[in-house]
C-alpha atoms as a PDB file:
ATOM      1  CA  MET A   1     143.969 118.936 184.955  1.00  0.00           C
ATOM      2  CA  VAL A   2     146.288 119.815 187.852  1.00  0.00           C
ATOM      3  CA  HIS A   3     147.969 116.389 187.679  1.00  0.00           C
ATOM      4  CA  LYS A   4     149.041 117.035 184.025  1.00  0.00           C
ATOM      5  CA  ILE A   5     150.984 120.021 185.049  1.00  0.00           C
ATOM      6  CA  VAL A   6     152.236 119.059 188.510  1.00  0.00           C
ATOM      7  CA  TYR A   7     153.810 115.654 187.593  1.00  0.00           C
ATOM      8  CA  PRO A   8     155.905 116.931 184.696  1.00  0.00           C
ATOM      9  CA  VAL A   9     157.103 119.807 186.848  1.00  0.00           C
ATOM     10  CA  LEU A  10     158.033 117.510 189.688  1.00  0.00           C
ATOM     11  CA  ILE A  11     159.888 115.162 187.335  1.00  0.00           C
ATOM     12  CA  PHE A  12     161.785 118.027 186.014  1.00  0.00           C
ATOM     13  CA  ILE A  13     162.747 119.377 189.322  1.00  0.00           C
ATOM     14  CA  VAL A  14     163.855 115.837 190.478  1.00  0.00           C
ATOM     15  CA  CYS A  15     165.989 115.525 187.279  1.00  0.00           C
ATOM     16  CA  VAL A  16     167.597 118.809 187.809  1.00  0.00           C
ATOM     17  CA  LEU A  17     168.527 117.968 191.468  1.00  0.00           C
ATOM     18  CA  LEU A  18     169.861 114.623 190.321  1.00  0.00           C
ATOM     19  CA  ALA A  19     172.029 116.233 187.781  1.00  0.00           C
ATOM     20  CA  ILE A  20     173.376 118.703 190.393  1.00  0.00           C
ATOM     21  CA  VAL A  21     174.304 115.863 192.855  1.00  0.00           C
ATOM     22  CA  ILE A  22     176.050 113.947 190.053  1.00  0.00           C
ATOM     23  CA  SER A  23     178.030 116.868 188.904  1.00  0.00           C
ATOM     24  CA  LEU A  24     179.073 117.747 192.424  1.00  0.00           C
ATOM     25  CA  ASN A  25     180.228 114.024 192.977  1.00  0.00           C
ATOM     26  CA  HIS A  26     182.398 114.260 189.752  1.00  0.00           C
ATOM     27  CA  ARG A  27     183.855 117.448 190.730  1.00  0.00           C
ATOM     28  CA  ASN A  28     185.149 116.077 194.038  1.00  0.00           C
ATOM     29  CA  ALA A  29     186.604 112.947 192.376  1.00  0.00           C
ATOM     30  CA  THR A  30     190.218 113.044 191.256  1.00  0.00           C
ATOM     31  CA  ASN A  31     191.478 110.907 188.447  1.00  0.00           C
ATOM     32  CA  ASP A  32     195.266 111.248 188.842  1.00  0.00           C
ATOM     33  CA  PHE A  33     197.266 109.423 186.216  1.00  0.00           C
ATOM     34  CA  TYR A  34     200.972 109.360 186.155  1.00  0.00           C
ATOM     35  CA  HIS A  35     203.106 108.015 183.427  1.00  0.00           C
ATOM     36  CA  LEU A  36     206.912 107.790 183.726  1.00  0.00           C
ATOM     37  CA  ARG A  37     209.336 106.227 181.079  1.00  0.00           C
ATOM     38  CA  LEU A  38     212.682 105.417 182.482  1.00  0.00           C
ATOM     39  CA  SER A  39     216.068 104.758 180.769  1.00  0.00           C
ATOM     40  CA  GLY A  40     219.476 104.506 182.375  1.00  0.00           C
ATOM     41  CA  GLU A  41     222.687 102.573 182.712  1.00  0.00           C
ATOM     42  CA  SER A  42     225.290 101.378 185.063  1.00  0.00           C
ATOM     43  CA  PRO A  43     228.851 100.326 184.234  1.00  0.00           C
ATOM     44  CA  HIS A  44     227.648  96.832 182.974  1.00  0.00           C
ATOM     45  CA  TRP A  45     223.840  97.143 182.445  1.00  0.00           C
ATOM     46  CA  GLU A  46     221.517  99.427 180.436  1.00  0.00           C
ATOM     47  CA  ILE A  47     217.760  99.660 180.565  1.00  0.00           C
ATOM     48  CA  ASN A  48     215.668 101.347 178.119  1.00  0.00           C
ATOM     49  CA  GLY A  49     211.838 102.217 177.891  1.00  0.00           C
ATOM     50  CA  TYR A  50     210.968 100.908 181.309  1.00  0.00           C
ATOM     51  CA  GLN A  51     207.459 102.321 182.111  1.00  0.00           C
ATOM     52  CA  LEU A  52     205.508 103.118 185.166  1.00  0.00           C
ATOM     53  CA  ASP A  53     201.787 103.897 185.011  1.00  0.00           C
ATOM     54  CA  LEU A  54     200.205 104.846 188.282  1.00  0.00           C
ATOM     55  CA  THR A  55     196.372 105.601 188.725  1.00  0.00           C
ATOM     56  CA  SER A  56     194.448 105.746 191.986  1.00  0.00           C
ATOM     57  CA  GLY A  57     194.242 102.049 192.297  1.00  0.00           C
ATOM     58  CA  ILE A  58     196.587 100.322 189.940  1.00  0.00           C
ATOM     59  CA  LEU A  59     200.364 100.384 189.383  1.00  0.00           C
ATOM     60  CA  LYS A  60     201.621  98.959 186.056  1.00  0.00           C
ATOM     61  CA  SER A  61     205.292  98.612 185.656  1.00  0.00           C
ATOM     62  CA  GLY A  62     207.586  97.038 183.107  1.00  0.00           C
ATOM     63  CA  ASN A  63     207.722  96.553 179.328  1.00  0.00           C
ATOM     64  CA  GLY A  64     211.400  97.724 179.303  1.00  0.00           C
ATOM     65  CA  LYS A  65     214.513  96.317 177.731  1.00  0.00           C
ATOM     66  CA  LEU A  66     217.488  95.190 179.716  1.00  0.00           C
ATOM     67  CA  ARG A  67     220.774  94.729 178.144  1.00  0.00           C
ATOM     68  CA  PHE A  68     224.183  93.547 179.351  1.00  0.00           C
ATOM     69  CA  LYS A  69     226.925  95.891 177.983  1.00  0.00           C
ATOM     70  CA  THR A  70     229.437  93.705 176.321  1.00  0.00           C
ATOM     71  CA  ARG A  71     232.576  94.426 174.328  1.00  0.00           C
ATOM     72  CA  GLY A  72     232.298  92.042 171.365  1.00  0.00           C
ATOM     73  CA  ASN A  73     232.068  88.807 173.598  1.00  0.00           C
ATOM     74  CA  VAL A  74     228.779  86.989 174.059  1.00  0.00           C
ATOM     75  CA  TYR A  75     227.829  86.316 177.610  1.00  0.00           C
ATOM     76  CA  THR A  76     225.609  83.460 178.575  1.00  0.00           C
ATOM     77  CA  THR A  77     224.411  82.732 181.949  1.00  0.00           C
ATOM     78  CA  ASN A  78     222.137  80.109 183.555  1.00  0.00           C
ATOM     79  CA  TYR A  79     220.514  82.525 186.130  1.00  0.00           C
ATOM     80  CA  PHE A  80     219.974  86.185 186.730  1.00  0.00           C
ATOM     81  CA  VAL A  81     217.644  88.393 188.887  1.00  0.00           C
ATOM     82  CA  PHE A  82     216.705  92.107 188.528  1.00  0.00           C
ATOM     83  CA  GLU A  83     214.643  94.346 190.605  1.00  0.00           C
ATOM     84  CA  MET A  84     212.996  97.793 190.106  1.00  0.00           C
ATOM     85  CA  ASN A  85     213.028  99.634 193.327  1.00  0.00           C
ATOM     86  CA  ALA A  86     211.581 102.831 194.441  1.00  0.00           C
ATOM     87  CA  VAL A  87     212.306 104.755 197.766  1.00  0.00           C
ATOM     88  CA  ILE A  88     208.968 105.829 199.104  1.00  0.00           C
ATOM     89  CA  ASN A  89     208.923 107.753 202.357  1.00  0.00           C
ATOM     90  CA  ASP A  90     212.521 106.720 203.058  1.00  0.00           C
ATOM     91  CA  LYS A  91     211.683 103.093 202.563  1.00  0.00           C
ATOM     92  CA  ASP A  92     213.043 100.869 199.804  1.00  0.00           C
ATOM     93  CA  THR A  93     210.136  99.202 198.013  1.00  0.00           C
ATOM     94  CA  THR A  94     210.383  96.633 195.297  1.00  0.00           C
ATOM     95  CA  LEU A  95     208.003  97.458 192.421  1.00  0.00           C
ATOM     96  CA  GLN A  96     208.896  94.559 190.128  1.00  0.00           C
ATOM     97  CA  SER A  97     211.350  91.753 190.269  1.00  0.00           C
ATOM     98  CA  LYS A  98     212.059  88.908 187.712  1.00  0.00           C
ATOM     99  CA  ALA A  99     214.328  85.842 188.002  1.00  0.00           C
ATOM    100  CA  VAL A 100     215.378  83.954 184.818  1.00  0.00           C
ATOM    101  CA  SER A 101     216.823  80.419 184.828  1.00  0.00           C
ATOM    102  CA  GLY A 102     218.123  78.472 181.943  1.00  0.00           C
ATOM    103  CA  PRO A 103     220.532  79.587 179.469  1.00  0.00           C
ATOM    104  CA  GLU A 104     220.153  83.235 178.652  1.00  0.00           C
ATOM    105  CA  ASP A 105     222.210  85.049 175.973  1.00  0.00           C
ATOM    106  CA  PHE A 106     222.815  88.578 176.564  1.00  0.00           C
ATOM    107  CA  LYS A 107     223.834  89.460 173.033  1.00  0.00           C
ATOM    108  CA  ASN A 108     220.448  90.945 172.567  1.00  0.00           C
ATOM    109  CA  GLU A 109     218.127  92.825 174.962  1.00  0.00           C
ATOM    110  CA  VAL A 110     215.994  90.948 177.476  1.00  0.00           C
ATOM    111  CA  ASP A 111     212.434  91.891 178.016  1.00  0.00           C
ATOM    112  CA  THR A 112     211.727  92.912 181.583  1.00  0.00           C
ATOM    113  CA  GLY A 113     208.190  91.761 181.342  1.00  0.00           C
ATOM    114  CA  ALA A 114     205.283  93.690 183.064  1.00  0.00           C
ATOM    115  CA  ILE A 115     203.500  93.546 186.275  1.00  0.00           C
ATOM    116  CA  GLU A 116     200.132  95.205 187.458  1.00  0.00           C
ATOM    117  CA  GLY A 117     198.708  95.328 190.789  1.00  0.00           C
ATOM    118  CA  PRO A 118     197.777  97.695 193.644  1.00  0.00           C
ATOM    119  CA  PRO A 119     200.277 100.497 194.383  1.00  0.00           C
ATOM    120  CA  PRO A 120     202.136 100.573 197.516  1.00  0.00           C
ATOM    121  CA  ILE A 121     200.412 102.362 200.493  1.00  0.00           C
ATOM    122  CA  THR A 122     201.720 105.421 202.238  1.00  0.00           C
ATOM    123  CA  LYS A 123     201.830 105.689 206.092  1.00  0.00           C
ATOM    124  CA  ASP A 124     198.465 107.410 205.933  1.00  0.00           C
ATOM    125  CA  GLY A 125     196.891 104.184 204.349  1.00  0.00           C
ATOM    126  CA  LYS A 126     196.455 106.004 200.954  1.00  0.00           C
ATOM    127  CA  SER A 127     197.951 104.744 197.574  1.00  0.00           C
ATOM    128  CA  ILE A 128     201.153 106.426 196.575  1.00  0.00           C
ATOM    129  CA  THR A 129     201.450 109.199 194.023  1.00  0.00           C
ATOM    130  CA  PHE A 130     204.592 110.233 192.282  1.00  0.00           C
ATOM    131  CA  LYS A 131     205.042 112.991 194.795  1.00  0.00           C
ATOM    132  CA  ASP A 132     205.629 110.253 197.491  1.00  0.00           C
ATOM    133  CA  ILE A 133     208.515 108.596 195.519  1.00  0.00           C
ATOM    134  CA  ASP A 134     211.872 110.036 196.424  1.00  0.00           C
ATOM    135  CA  LYS A 135     214.091 107.943 194.100  1.00  0.00           C
ATOM    136  CA  ILE A 136     213.561 105.206 191.569  1.00  0.00           C
END
């Protein structure tokens, strides 16, 4: 008769302790997610909708539109390169680059494409956060 009461009580106590341990683990875990959407221009170029998504282990960048600012003329080139850079802890870091060869007409916008991978590492050996980025 004692076994019919002791085992359910022990199982209940173990379940409560397990729930406490799991909740403490989740409380200490951080799930930082940063999303940045960039647009800007220079005298000859304009970029719209460029996105940066940063989580604790993955950096996704791209999906923007790059446009050469023309004045009625159509410009065609056989080669161009662009880079997206960020200054992290006073160091220039390339987040994405793309080279295009072959005839490219800049009459319309050019898709920047996208890239996904591990984020750059800080001096402490940790993944960057947006707090570490001085300038993009």
